[in-house]
Amino acid sequence: MLSAHQPFEGFPQIIKQAVREVGAVAQFAGGVPAMCDGVTQGQPGMELSLFSRDTIAMSTAVALSHNMFDAALYLGVCDKIVPGLLIGALHFGAVFVPAGPMTSGLSNQEKAQVRQLYAQGKATREDLLEGESKAYHGAGTCTFYGTANSNQMLMEVMGLHMPGAAFITPNTPLRDALTRAAAQRAAAITAQSASYLPVGHIVDEKCIVNAVVGLLATGGSTNHTLHLVAIAKAAGIVIDWNDFNELSAIVPMLTRIYPNGDADVNHFHAAGGTGYLIRELLDAGLLHEDVNTILGHGLRAHCQEPFLGEDGKVFWKEAPLASADENVLRPASNPFAPDGGMVLVAGNLGRAVMKVSAVKPQHRTVEAPALVFNSQEDFMAAYKAGTLDRDFVAVLRFQGPRANGMPELHALTPALANLQDAGRHVALVTDGRMSGASGKVPAAIHVSPEILAGGPLGLVRDGDIIRLDAFTGVLEALVPADVWHARALVTADLSPNHVGMGRELFSMFRSTVSAAEEGATACRRRFPPPSPCTTPTMSVIPYRVPMKTFWLGNKR
């Protein structure tokens, strides 16, 4: 059904033939859920989206529980699928295999404009469908730099892809050659080989830091302030939003990919791609080079670009020394911005993440009265009724993981963007999530703790002056302290969010899920190191005992 995964239809036969050539056998181990956050925006099914990540991790473990495999190839692209696969893969051998982005169609800017016009009632449904069809016109991943393509970028920086595999378009000879190479590499790094490289020996503290740096240097999705925390926890490592914030202050922005610019991921790849980016960050001392990857020891082996040889096999060359388009990809010596464009904001409303790389400086500080909503439907009803034509901060609460699974609220973006374009000072404060495609409207998201955990968003009332300041890291309700502390937390009837579209099956997740800053995961504790388990045909990867945590600038 989903364009991002359609290319995988032909991968099993490619993989089976490739490993047969090197004396191995490939079999299908199992499938995992693979929902699309784009299709489910504003729908009840979106409330299952974040929980699908942990479901995918568990499904991965179940698929490999037969204890019959020496290694595994993980075919995944979209939002929760790659993080879930990686959490599940930490006990096993792993090479991650992408499908690649669709070719460029209607530009992301033009697509967003059609959506805004539709929200204003100035475009028909037929106009909207035509724009969507021109934007999403073929097989492959969406071309904007949202969570799906951030996943692929991180797999490159973490050394879990064959170099440069992320953004090769589907159904091309080079794409197929990369899939063959990935399959053969997986067969070469098992416990029965001389180059045993289980994923638990790759994903260590330095690898996690590299992932955060890669995310920040490219203006990647805020969803990874949840996913990387959960991945790290599964690997026995603790990180939090302070780490993202402190690294963001020193990691320069080297790309401009929509929503942070006009280009899409195909333009990024043509300008130099992941090989150029990794080399620039290594040379600037911003990535740890002394890490393991699926190729062996050392990240510099991933500073390469794939090409198709005359024999139909892939070969690699060093990434270009210069960017082919500095409007899209720049060297570390001449970045688009000196920081990573993601900040932690905090105050009497809690702690939240704010992505500012796509927000113009004049919109990064908003001080305006609160308008409180308990659902995105309530917000959209107010917008359609014409009551939001003013300066305000939308406080959208009861959207946290315990309340309703922490859905993305990207459906609000066209309405908020229209109000901003009309000259209104608007912002969003929510315990929910926004899409990786969300851009120009200032939004403090993932507010933690949520109301069901005693969070202070439940103390906000209509008319309270809210100050959101990305420059100083402030998220405050400017209410006298005696008034603030005299208030009682509001309550809401959330039962409609717990029934229908399978949501009743996920009550156990809602009751046990951790806070957003802890990864919003049902796995509340760090995984303990399991005992190695062996069979005559396979060695299960022993879990890596946590060492110290590394980050750039400081060591702790």
Protein backbone atom coordinates (compact mmCIF):
# COMPACT_ATOMS: atom_id res chain seq x y z
CA MET A 1 0.00 0.00 0.00
CA LEU A 2 2.72 2.48 1.00
CA SER A 3 4.98 3.96 -1.65
CA ALA A 4 8.01 3.79 0.66
CA HIS A 5 7.73 0.03 1.05
CA GLN A 6 6.44 -1.00 -2.37
CA PRO A 7 10.00 -1.47 -3.73
CA PHE A 8 10.63 -4.16 -1.11
CA GLU A 9 8.32 -6.45 -3.10
CA GLY A 10 11.23 -7.58 -5.25
CA PHE A 11 13.95 -7.62 -2.58
CA PRO A 12 13.52 -11.19 -1.25
CA GLN A 13 14.47 -12.76 -4.58
CA ILE A 14 17.46 -10.41 -4.97
CA ILE A 15 18.64 -11.25 -1.44
CA LYS A 16 18.21 -15.00 -1.82
CA GLN A 17 20.20 -15.08 -5.05
CA ALA A 18 22.92 -12.80 -3.66
CA VAL A 19 23.65 -14.89 -0.59
CA ARG A 20 23.46 -18.12 -2.57
CA GLU A 21 26.42 -16.79 -4.56
CA VAL A 22 28.51 -16.63 -1.37
CA GLY A 23 27.44 -20.01 -0.01
CA ALA A 24 24.64 -18.94 2.32
CA VAL A 25 20.87 -19.41 2.45
CA ALA A 26 18.35 -16.60 3.03
CA GLN A 27 14.88 -17.19 4.39
CA PHE A 28 12.03 -14.87 5.33
CA ALA A 29 12.04 -14.59 9.14
CA GLY A 30 9.01 -12.42 9.80
CA GLY A 31 7.18 -9.20 9.14
CA VAL A 32 6.44 -6.20 11.32
CA PRO A 33 3.71 -3.53 11.24
CA ALA A 34 4.56 -0.73 8.85
CA MET A 35 2.05 2.09 9.18
CA CYS A 36 2.35 5.51 7.54
CA ASP A 37 2.10 8.61 9.71
CA GLY A 38 1.22 10.65 6.65
CA VAL A 39 -1.86 8.59 5.77
CA THR A 40 -3.05 8.50 9.40
CA GLN A 41 -2.66 12.24 10.17
CA GLY A 42 -5.76 13.43 12.00
CA GLN A 43 -7.17 9.89 12.09
CA PRO A 44 -7.81 7.63 15.12
CA GLY A 45 -5.13 5.28 13.84
CA MET A 46 -2.48 7.95 14.44
CA GLU A 47 -2.83 7.22 18.16
CA LEU A 48 -1.23 3.82 17.52
CA SER A 49 1.71 5.28 15.64
CA LEU A 50 4.25 5.79 18.42
CA PHE A 51 3.33 2.54 20.15
CA SER A 52 3.95 0.74 16.88
CA ARG A 53 7.68 1.35 17.42
CA ASP A 54 7.81 -0.88 20.49
CA THR A 55 5.45 -3.35 18.79
CA ILE A 56 7.90 -3.53 15.88
CA ALA A 57 10.82 -4.09 18.26
CA MET A 58 8.98 -6.97 19.90
CA SER A 59 7.89 -8.34 16.53
CA THR A 60 11.52 -8.31 15.42
CA ALA A 61 12.56 -10.34 18.45
CA VAL A 62 9.72 -12.81 17.88
CA ALA A 63 10.64 -13.17 14.20
CA LEU A 64 14.19 -14.10 15.14
CA SER A 65 13.27 -16.17 18.20
CA HIS A 66 13.69 -19.47 16.35
CA ASN A 67 17.42 -19.10 17.01
CA MET A 68 18.21 -20.38 13.54
CA PHE A 69 19.77 -17.32 11.91
CA ASP A 70 23.37 -16.19 11.78
CA ALA A 71 22.53 -12.65 10.69
CA ALA A 72 19.57 -10.64 9.52
CA LEU A 73 18.73 -8.01 6.94
CA TYR A 74 16.27 -5.39 8.16
CA LEU A 75 14.11 -3.88 5.43
CA GLY A 76 12.63 -0.66 6.77
CA VAL A 77 12.13 2.97 5.86
CA CYS A 78 9.42 4.90 7.62
CA ASP A 79 8.93 6.67 10.87
CA LYS A 80 8.67 4.06 13.64
CA ILE A 81 9.81 1.10 11.61
CA VAL A 82 13.57 1.68 11.51
CA PRO A 83 13.81 2.66 15.21
CA GLY A 84 11.70 -0.37 16.17
CA LEU A 85 13.78 -2.69 13.99
CA LEU A 86 16.99 -1.32 15.49
CA ILE A 87 15.78 -1.81 19.06
CA GLY A 88 14.83 -5.38 18.20
CA ALA A 89 18.07 -5.95 16.28
CA LEU A 90 20.39 -5.11 19.18
CA HIS A 91 20.56 -8.79 20.14
CA PHE A 92 21.31 -10.00 16.61
CA GLY A 93 23.46 -9.44 13.56
CA ALA A 94 22.20 -6.65 11.36
CA VAL A 95 22.57 -4.86 8.06
CA PHE A 96 19.84 -2.33 7.34
CA VAL A 97 18.51 -2.15 3.81
CA PRO A 98 16.63 0.93 2.54
CA ALA A 99 14.27 1.16 -0.41
CA GLY A 100 15.24 4.69 -1.49
CA PRO A 101 13.26 7.87 -2.18
CA MET A 102 10.84 8.34 -5.05
CA THR A 103 11.99 10.64 -7.83
CA SER A 104 11.20 14.32 -7.39
CA GLY A 105 7.68 15.38 -8.32
CA LEU A 106 5.71 18.48 -7.34
CA SER A 107 7.98 20.44 -5.03
CA ASN A 108 7.37 20.26 -1.30
CA GLN A 109 6.83 24.03 -1.18
CA GLU A 110 4.13 23.84 -3.86
CA LYS A 111 2.50 20.89 -2.11
CA ALA A 112 2.39 22.82 1.18
CA GLN A 113 0.87 25.82 -0.58
CA VAL A 114 -1.97 23.72 -1.99
CA ARG A 115 -2.65 22.37 1.50
CA GLN A 116 -2.79 25.88 2.95
CA LEU A 117 -5.18 27.01 0.23
CA TYR A 118 -7.39 24.00 0.91
CA ALA A 119 -7.44 24.82 4.63
CA GLN A 120 -8.56 28.37 3.73
CA GLY A 121 -11.31 27.05 1.48
CA LYS A 122 -9.60 28.55 -1.58
CA ALA A 123 -8.81 25.17 -3.19
CA THR A 124 -11.18 22.30 -3.89
CA ARG A 125 -10.72 18.72 -2.81
CA GLU A 126 -9.95 17.91 -6.44
CA ASP A 127 -7.15 20.52 -6.36
CA LEU A 128 -5.82 18.97 -3.17
CA LEU A 129 -5.86 15.45 -4.59
CA GLU A 130 -4.16 16.60 -7.78
CA GLY A 131 -1.37 18.24 -5.78
CA GLU A 132 -0.89 15.19 -3.59
CA SER A 133 -0.83 12.88 -6.60
CA LYS A 134 1.84 15.00 -8.29
CA ALA A 135 3.93 15.12 -5.12
CA TYR A 136 3.58 11.43 -4.27
CA HIS A 137 3.69 10.02 -7.76
CA GLY A 138 5.70 6.82 -7.62
CA ALA A 139 7.42 4.11 -5.63
CA GLY A 140 9.79 5.17 -2.86
CA THR A 141 10.00 7.31 0.22
CA CYS A 142 8.50 10.80 0.44
CA THR A 143 11.19 13.22 -0.68
CA PHE A 144 11.01 15.76 2.17
CA TYR A 145 13.39 15.45 5.11
CA GLY A 146 10.95 14.08 7.67
CA THR A 147 11.32 11.16 10.03
CA ALA A 148 11.58 8.50 7.31
CA ASN A 149 14.53 10.14 5.58
CA SER A 150 16.05 11.11 8.94
CA ASN A 151 16.01 7.37 9.71
CA GLN A 152 18.01 6.70 6.57
CA MET A 153 20.49 9.47 7.36
CA LEU A 154 21.05 8.05 10.83
CA MET A 155 21.60 4.52 9.53
CA GLU A 156 24.40 5.95 7.37
CA VAL A 157 26.01 7.91 10.22
CA MET A 158 25.72 4.93 12.56
CA GLY A 159 27.40 2.68 9.98
CA LEU A 160 24.47 0.29 9.58
CA HIS A 161 23.95 0.81 5.81
CA MET A 162 26.22 0.02 2.94
CA PRO A 163 27.82 3.42 2.28
CA GLY A 164 25.62 5.86 0.37
CA ALA A 165 22.68 3.46 0.13
CA ALA A 166 20.10 5.75 1.72
CA PHE A 167 19.05 7.95 -1.18
CA ILE A 168 19.41 5.82 -4.31
CA THR A 169 16.01 5.74 -6.02
CA PRO A 170 14.08 2.43 -6.20
CA ASN A 171 13.81 0.03 -9.09
CA THR A 172 17.15 1.03 -10.58
CA PRO A 173 20.17 -1.19 -11.29
CA LEU A 174 22.25 0.62 -8.64
CA ARG A 175 19.53 0.17 -6.02
CA ASP A 176 19.41 -3.57 -6.73
CA ALA A 177 23.20 -3.84 -6.71
CA LEU A 178 23.31 -2.19 -3.27
CA THR A 179 20.73 -4.65 -1.97
CA ARG A 180 22.86 -7.55 -3.26
CA ALA A 181 25.94 -6.07 -1.61
CA ALA A 182 24.09 -5.64 1.70
CA ALA A 183 22.97 -9.26 1.66
CA GLN A 184 26.46 -10.53 0.96
CA ARG A 185 27.92 -8.29 3.66
CA ALA A 186 25.48 -9.70 6.21
CA ALA A 187 26.67 -13.19 5.32
CA ALA A 188 30.28 -12.09 5.82
CA ILE A 189 29.98 -10.72 9.38
CA THR A 190 28.39 -13.63 11.26
CA ALA A 191 29.86 -15.44 14.25
CA GLN A 192 31.03 -18.14 11.84
CA SER A 193 33.23 -15.68 9.98
CA ALA A 194 36.50 -14.00 10.84
CA SER A 195 34.74 -10.59 10.90
CA TYR A 196 32.05 -10.98 13.55
CA LEU A 197 30.22 -7.63 13.80
CA PRO A 198 26.89 -7.96 15.62
CA VAL A 199 24.89 -4.79 15.94
CA GLY A 200 25.38 -4.83 19.72
CA HIS A 201 29.10 -4.27 19.05
CA ILE A 202 28.31 -1.32 16.77
CA VAL A 203 25.70 0.65 18.71
CA ASP A 204 27.74 1.96 21.62
CA GLU A 205 28.03 5.37 23.29
CA LYS A 206 30.06 6.92 20.49
CA CYS A 207 27.67 5.59 17.87
CA ILE A 208 24.72 7.17 19.70
CA VAL A 209 26.55 10.51 19.91
CA ASN A 210 27.30 10.28 16.18
CA ALA A 211 23.60 9.71 15.51
CA VAL A 212 22.61 12.83 17.46
CA VAL A 213 25.27 14.88 15.67
CA GLY A 214 24.12 13.63 12.27
CA LEU A 215 20.53 14.49 13.14
CA LEU A 216 21.42 18.02 14.24
CA ALA A 217 23.79 18.77 11.35
CA THR A 218 21.01 18.03 8.88
CA GLY A 219 17.99 19.53 10.67
CA GLY A 220 16.41 16.12 11.11
CA SER A 221 13.11 15.10 12.63
CA THR A 222 12.19 15.96 16.22
CA ASN A 223 10.74 12.45 16.51
CA HIS A 224 14.30 11.28 17.03
CA THR A 225 14.43 13.10 20.37
CA LEU A 226 12.18 10.20 21.35
CA HIS A 227 13.54 7.39 19.17
CA LEU A 228 17.25 7.86 19.85
CA VAL A 229 16.55 8.01 23.58
CA ALA A 230 14.66 4.71 23.32
CA ILE A 231 17.34 3.12 21.12
CA ALA A 232 20.07 4.20 23.54
CA LYS A 233 18.09 2.85 26.49
CA ALA A 234 17.75 -0.50 24.74
CA ALA A 235 21.53 -0.51 24.31
CA GLY A 236 22.08 0.22 28.01
CA ILE A 237 22.89 3.91 27.52
CA VAL A 238 21.15 6.93 29.02
CA ILE A 239 20.73 10.17 27.08
CA ASP A 240 18.19 12.95 27.49
CA TRP A 241 17.20 16.27 25.94
CA ASN A 242 20.06 18.06 27.68
CA ASP A 243 22.42 16.08 25.45
CA PHE A 244 20.54 17.13 22.30
CA ASN A 245 20.48 20.75 23.48
CA GLU A 246 24.17 20.95 24.35
CA LEU A 247 25.27 19.23 21.17
CA SER A 248 22.96 21.43 19.11
CA ALA A 249 24.79 24.50 20.41
CA ILE A 250 28.07 23.37 18.80
CA VAL A 251 27.02 21.30 15.77
CA PRO A 252 26.64 23.48 12.64
CA MET A 253 23.78 23.09 10.16
CA LEU A 254 25.27 21.78 6.89
CA THR A 255 22.11 21.12 4.86
CA ARG A 256 18.96 22.86 3.69
CA ILE A 257 16.42 20.15 2.89
CA TYR A 258 12.67 20.75 3.12
CA PRO A 259 11.18 21.78 5.57
CA ASN A 260 14.46 23.54 6.41
CA GLY A 261 14.93 24.68 2.80
CA ASP A 262 13.57 24.22 -0.70
CA ALA A 263 15.57 21.14 -1.76
CA ASP A 264 14.48 17.53 -1.36
CA VAL A 265 16.60 14.48 -0.52
CA ASN A 266 17.32 13.79 -4.18
CA HIS A 267 18.89 17.24 -4.47
CA PHE A 268 20.88 16.52 -1.29
CA HIS A 269 22.20 13.27 -2.74
CA ALA A 270 23.14 14.96 -6.02
CA ALA A 271 24.99 17.71 -4.13
CA GLY A 272 27.28 15.19 -2.42
CA GLY A 273 25.06 13.14 -0.17
CA THR A 274 25.86 11.24 2.96
CA GLY A 275 29.50 10.50 2.09
CA TYR A 276 30.30 14.21 1.78
CA LEU A 277 28.38 15.02 4.96
CA ILE A 278 30.07 12.33 7.07
CA ARG A 279 33.53 13.34 5.86
CA GLU A 280 32.90 17.02 6.65
CA LEU A 281 31.73 16.19 10.15
CA LEU A 282 34.68 13.84 10.73
CA ASP A 283 37.21 16.37 9.48
CA ALA A 284 35.67 19.02 11.74
CA GLY A 285 36.06 16.74 14.75
CA LEU A 286 32.31 16.49 15.22
CA LEU A 287 31.93 12.73 14.76
CA HIS A 288 33.73 9.88 16.49
CA GLU A 289 35.77 8.04 13.86
CA ASP A 290 36.89 5.19 16.12
CA VAL A 291 33.67 3.19 15.99
CA ASN A 292 32.63 -0.14 14.56
CA THR A 293 30.39 -0.29 11.51
CA ILE A 294 29.14 -3.13 9.34
CA LEU A 295 32.33 -2.64 7.27
CA GLY A 296 34.69 -3.01 10.22
CA HIS A 297 36.41 -0.46 12.43
CA GLY A 298 36.34 3.19 11.46
CA LEU A 299 33.57 5.46 10.23
CA ARG A 300 35.70 6.99 7.48
CA ALA A 301 34.94 3.94 5.30
CA HIS A 302 31.45 5.44 4.95
CA CYS A 303 32.70 8.66 3.33
CA GLN A 304 32.06 7.09 -0.06
CA GLU A 305 29.56 7.22 -2.90
CA PRO A 306 28.24 4.12 -4.70
CA PHE A 307 28.41 3.61 -8.46
CA LEU A 308 27.37 0.80 -10.80
CA GLY A 309 30.15 -1.08 -12.52
CA GLU A 310 30.06 -2.56 -16.02
CA ASP A 311 29.64 -5.98 -14.44
CA GLY A 312 26.43 -4.86 -12.74
CA LYS A 313 28.05 -4.80 -9.31
CA VAL A 314 28.33 -1.79 -7.03
CA PHE A 315 31.67 -0.14 -6.37
CA TRP A 316 32.55 2.91 -4.32
CA LYS A 317 34.52 6.09 -4.88
CA GLU A 318 35.50 8.73 -2.38
CA ALA A 319 32.76 11.31 -1.89
CA PRO A 320 33.29 14.55 -3.85
CA LEU A 321 35.63 17.06 -2.27
CA ALA A 322 33.29 19.96 -2.99
CA SER A 323 29.53 20.27 -2.74
CA ALA A 324 27.84 20.40 -6.12
CA ASP A 325 25.29 22.87 -4.75
CA GLU A 326 26.02 24.95 -1.67
CA ASN A 327 22.39 26.05 -1.57
CA VAL A 328 21.68 22.50 -0.38
CA LEU A 329 24.86 21.09 1.19
CA ARG A 330 27.80 23.03 2.61
CA PRO A 331 31.19 22.33 4.14
CA ALA A 332 31.62 22.63 7.90
CA SER A 333 33.74 25.74 7.30
CA ASN A 334 30.76 27.55 5.76
CA PRO A 335 27.59 26.23 7.42
CA PHE A 336 24.06 27.53 6.96
CA ALA A 337 23.94 28.14 10.72
CA PRO A 338 26.42 27.72 13.58
CA ASP A 339 24.04 25.48 15.52
CA GLY A 340 21.88 22.46 14.92
CA GLY A 341 18.56 24.25 15.07
CA MET A 342 17.00 22.20 17.87
CA VAL A 343 16.62 23.62 21.36
CA LEU A 344 15.33 22.59 24.76
CA VAL A 345 12.80 25.04 26.25
CA ALA A 346 11.78 24.82 29.88
CA GLY A 347 9.94 26.64 32.61
CA ASN A 348 6.81 26.37 34.70
CA LEU A 349 5.06 24.53 31.85
CA GLY A 350 7.61 21.69 31.85
CA ARG A 351 10.35 20.74 29.40
CA ALA A 352 9.85 20.61 25.64
CA VAL A 353 11.70 20.30 22.36
CA MET A 354 11.61 23.06 19.75
CA LYS A 355 12.93 22.74 16.20
CA VAL A 356 13.91 26.18 14.95
CA SER A 357 15.90 25.33 11.82
CA ALA A 358 12.83 26.00 9.66
CA VAL A 359 11.49 28.89 11.78
CA LYS A 360 12.49 32.42 10.77
CA PRO A 361 14.28 34.33 13.56
CA GLN A 362 11.42 36.85 13.92
CA HIS A 363 9.05 34.00 14.81
CA ARG A 364 11.26 32.29 17.37
CA THR A 365 9.89 34.35 20.26
CA VAL A 366 6.15 34.57 20.85
CA GLU A 367 4.38 36.10 23.84
CA ALA A 368 0.61 35.94 23.54
CA PRO A 369 -2.56 34.80 25.32
CA ALA A 370 -3.22 31.09 25.61
CA LEU A 371 -6.10 29.41 23.84
CA VAL A 372 -6.53 25.97 25.37
CA PHE A 373 -7.74 22.94 23.41
CA ASN A 374 -8.12 19.32 24.45
CA SER A 375 -8.10 17.90 20.93
CA GLN A 376 -6.96 18.83 17.46
CA GLU A 377 -10.60 18.59 16.34
CA ASP A 378 -11.47 21.39 18.77
CA PHE A 379 -8.67 23.50 17.34
CA MET A 380 -9.75 22.94 13.74
CA ALA A 381 -13.38 23.72 14.61
CA ALA A 382 -12.28 27.06 16.06
CA TYR A 383 -10.16 27.78 12.98
CA LYS A 384 -12.99 27.01 10.59
CA ALA A 385 -15.34 29.17 12.67
CA GLY A 386 -12.99 32.13 12.18
CA THR A 387 -12.31 32.69 15.88
CA LEU A 388 -8.51 32.36 15.67
CA ASP A 389 -7.73 35.50 13.67
CA ARG A 390 -5.57 37.02 16.41
CA ASP A 391 -2.28 36.58 18.25
CA PHE A 392 -2.32 33.50 20.47
CA VAL A 393 -0.46 30.46 21.72
CA ALA A 394 -2.43 27.28 21.12
CA VAL A 395 -2.05 25.02 24.15
CA LEU A 396 -3.08 21.59 22.92
CA ARG A 397 -3.08 19.17 25.83
CA PHE A 398 -4.01 15.55 26.56
CA GLN A 399 -1.90 14.50 23.57
CA GLY A 400 0.84 12.76 25.56
CA PRO A 401 1.75 9.08 25.48
CA ARG A 402 -0.37 8.15 28.50
CA ALA A 403 -3.36 10.15 27.34
CA ASN A 404 -3.77 8.93 23.78
CA GLY A 405 -0.48 7.55 22.49
CA MET A 406 1.14 10.90 21.59
CA PRO A 407 -0.11 11.39 18.01
CA GLU A 408 1.49 13.66 15.46
CA LEU A 409 -0.46 16.89 15.00
CA HIS A 410 0.80 17.82 11.55
CA ALA A 411 -2.79 18.32 10.35
CA LEU A 412 -2.74 21.63 12.25
CA THR A 413 0.21 22.97 10.27
CA PRO A 414 -1.68 24.47 7.28
CA ALA A 415 -4.07 26.39 9.57
CA LEU A 416 -1.29 27.73 11.79
CA ALA A 417 0.82 28.63 8.75
CA ASN A 418 -2.09 30.57 7.24
CA LEU A 419 -2.49 32.58 10.44
CA GLN A 420 1.25 33.28 10.56
CA ASP A 421 1.23 34.36 6.90
CA ALA A 422 -1.63 36.75 7.73
CA GLY A 423 0.65 38.54 10.19
CA ARG A 424 -0.54 36.93 13.41
CA HIS A 425 1.93 35.93 16.11
CA VAL A 426 1.07 32.30 16.74
CA ALA A 427 2.74 29.30 18.34
CA LEU A 428 1.87 25.80 19.48
CA VAL A 429 2.59 24.27 22.89
CA THR A 430 1.66 20.59 23.21
CA ASP A 431 2.51 17.31 24.86
CA GLY A 432 1.92 15.69 21.49
CA ARG A 433 4.26 15.34 18.51
CA MET A 434 4.66 17.15 15.22
CA SER A 435 5.70 15.56 11.96
CA GLY A 436 9.27 15.71 10.79
CA ALA A 437 7.78 17.67 7.88
CA SER A 438 6.51 20.44 10.16
CA GLY A 439 8.29 23.67 9.62
CA LYS A 440 7.83 27.39 9.92
CA VAL A 441 5.42 27.75 12.87
CA PRO A 442 7.14 27.83 16.30
CA ALA A 443 6.11 24.78 18.29
CA ALA A 444 7.18 23.56 21.73
CA ILE A 445 6.37 19.86 21.50
CA HIS A 446 6.72 16.70 23.59
CA VAL A 447 5.98 18.82 26.72
CA SER A 448 6.98 16.65 29.64
CA PRO A 449 5.63 15.67 32.07
CA GLU A 450 2.19 15.33 30.53
CA ILE A 451 -0.96 16.08 32.55
CA LEU A 452 -1.62 12.42 33.36
CA ALA A 453 1.80 12.36 35.02
CA GLY A 454 1.03 15.55 36.98
CA GLY A 455 2.35 17.92 34.33
CA PRO A 456 1.62 21.66 34.57
CA LEU A 457 -0.08 22.04 31.18
CA GLY A 458 -3.18 21.17 33.20
CA LEU A 459 -2.86 24.48 35.07
CA VAL A 460 -3.08 26.69 31.97
CA ARG A 461 -6.28 28.65 31.43
CA ASP A 462 -7.53 30.62 28.43
CA GLY A 463 -6.04 34.10 28.46
CA ASP A 464 -2.88 33.26 30.41
CA ILE A 465 0.08 34.97 28.77
CA ILE A 466 2.49 32.34 27.46
CA ARG A 467 6.08 33.16 26.60
CA LEU A 468 7.93 30.85 24.23
CA ASP A 469 11.49 31.99 23.54
CA ALA A 470 13.82 29.77 21.54
CA PHE A 471 16.75 32.15 22.05
CA THR A 472 16.70 31.92 25.85
CA GLY A 473 15.13 28.48 26.16
CA VAL A 474 12.05 29.73 28.03
CA LEU A 475 8.61 28.09 28.14
CA GLU A 476 6.58 29.98 30.73
CA ALA A 477 3.06 30.88 31.70
CA LEU A 478 3.38 34.45 32.98
CA VAL A 479 0.98 33.92 35.85
CA PRO A 480 1.58 35.12 39.45
CA ALA A 481 3.00 32.28 41.51
CA ASP A 482 0.24 32.37 44.12
CA VAL A 483 -2.44 32.16 41.43
CA TRP A 484 -0.57 29.41 39.59
CA HIS A 485 -0.09 27.19 42.63
CA ALA A 486 -3.68 27.66 43.78
CA ARG A 487 -5.03 26.09 40.61
CA ALA A 488 -6.06 22.46 40.28
CA LEU A 489 -5.04 20.26 37.38
CA VAL A 490 -7.81 19.92 34.83
CA THR A 491 -9.22 16.54 33.89
CA ALA A 492 -10.77 15.30 30.68
CA ASP A 493 -12.80 12.34 29.55
CA LEU A 494 -10.33 10.43 27.42
CA SER A 495 -12.44 7.31 26.95
CA PRO A 496 -13.24 8.15 23.29
CA ASN A 497 -9.49 7.96 22.58
CA HIS A 498 -9.24 4.47 24.03
CA VAL A 499 -11.78 2.64 21.87
CA GLY A 500 -11.97 2.03 18.14
CA MET A 501 -9.46 1.37 15.37
CA GLY A 502 -7.78 -1.13 17.70
CA ARG A 503 -6.91 1.45 20.34
CA GLU A 504 -8.46 -0.68 23.08
CA LEU A 505 -5.72 -3.27 22.46
CA PHE A 506 -3.04 -0.77 23.49
CA SER A 507 -4.24 0.05 27.01
CA MET A 508 -1.20 -1.76 28.41
CA PHE A 509 1.08 0.62 26.52
CA ARG A 510 -0.76 3.72 27.77
CA SER A 511 -0.58 2.51 31.36
CA THR A 512 3.14 1.68 31.35
CA VAL A 513 4.69 4.12 28.86
CA SER A 514 7.56 6.30 30.04
CA ALA A 515 7.73 10.07 29.75
CA ALA A 516 8.58 11.64 26.41
CA GLU A 517 12.07 12.60 27.54
CA GLU A 518 12.66 8.97 28.50
CA GLY A 519 11.80 7.83 24.99
CA ALA A 520 8.02 7.36 25.42
CA THR A 521 8.65 3.64 25.53
CA ALA A 522 6.84 0.78 27.21
CA CYS A 523 10.28 -0.57 28.16
CA ARG A 524 10.57 1.50 31.32
CA ARG A 525 14.01 0.25 32.35
CA ARG A 526 17.30 -0.07 30.55
CA PHE A 527 17.69 -3.55 29.16
CA PRO A 528 19.98 -5.74 31.31
CA PRO A 529 22.84 -7.56 29.61
CA PRO A 530 21.43 -11.00 28.73
CA SER A 531 23.42 -14.18 28.95
CA PRO A 532 24.78 -15.44 25.63
CA CYS A 533 22.75 -18.28 24.15
CA THR A 534 24.24 -20.65 21.62
CA THR A 535 23.11 -23.42 19.34
CA PRO A 536 25.21 -25.65 17.10
CA THR A 537 24.35 -23.40 14.13
CA MET A 538 24.31 -19.91 15.55
CA SER A 539 25.69 -17.65 18.24
CA VAL A 540 23.23 -15.13 19.64
CA ILE A 541 24.99 -11.83 20.11
CA PRO A 542 25.99 -11.23 23.74
CA TYR A 543 24.75 -7.90 25.00
CA ARG A 544 27.33 -5.19 25.47
CA VAL A 545 27.81 -4.14 29.07
CA PRO A 546 27.37 -0.35 29.30
CA MET A 547 30.55 1.63 29.66
CA LYS A 548 30.76 5.38 30.16
CA THR A 549 28.81 7.83 28.08
CA PHE A 550 30.69 9.98 25.57
CA TRP A 551 29.67 13.25 24.08
CA LEU A 552 31.46 16.02 22.29
CA GLY A 553 33.12 18.68 24.40
CA ASN A 554 32.73 16.80 27.68
CA LYS A 555 33.07 13.22 28.80
CA ARG A 556 31.00 11.75 31.56
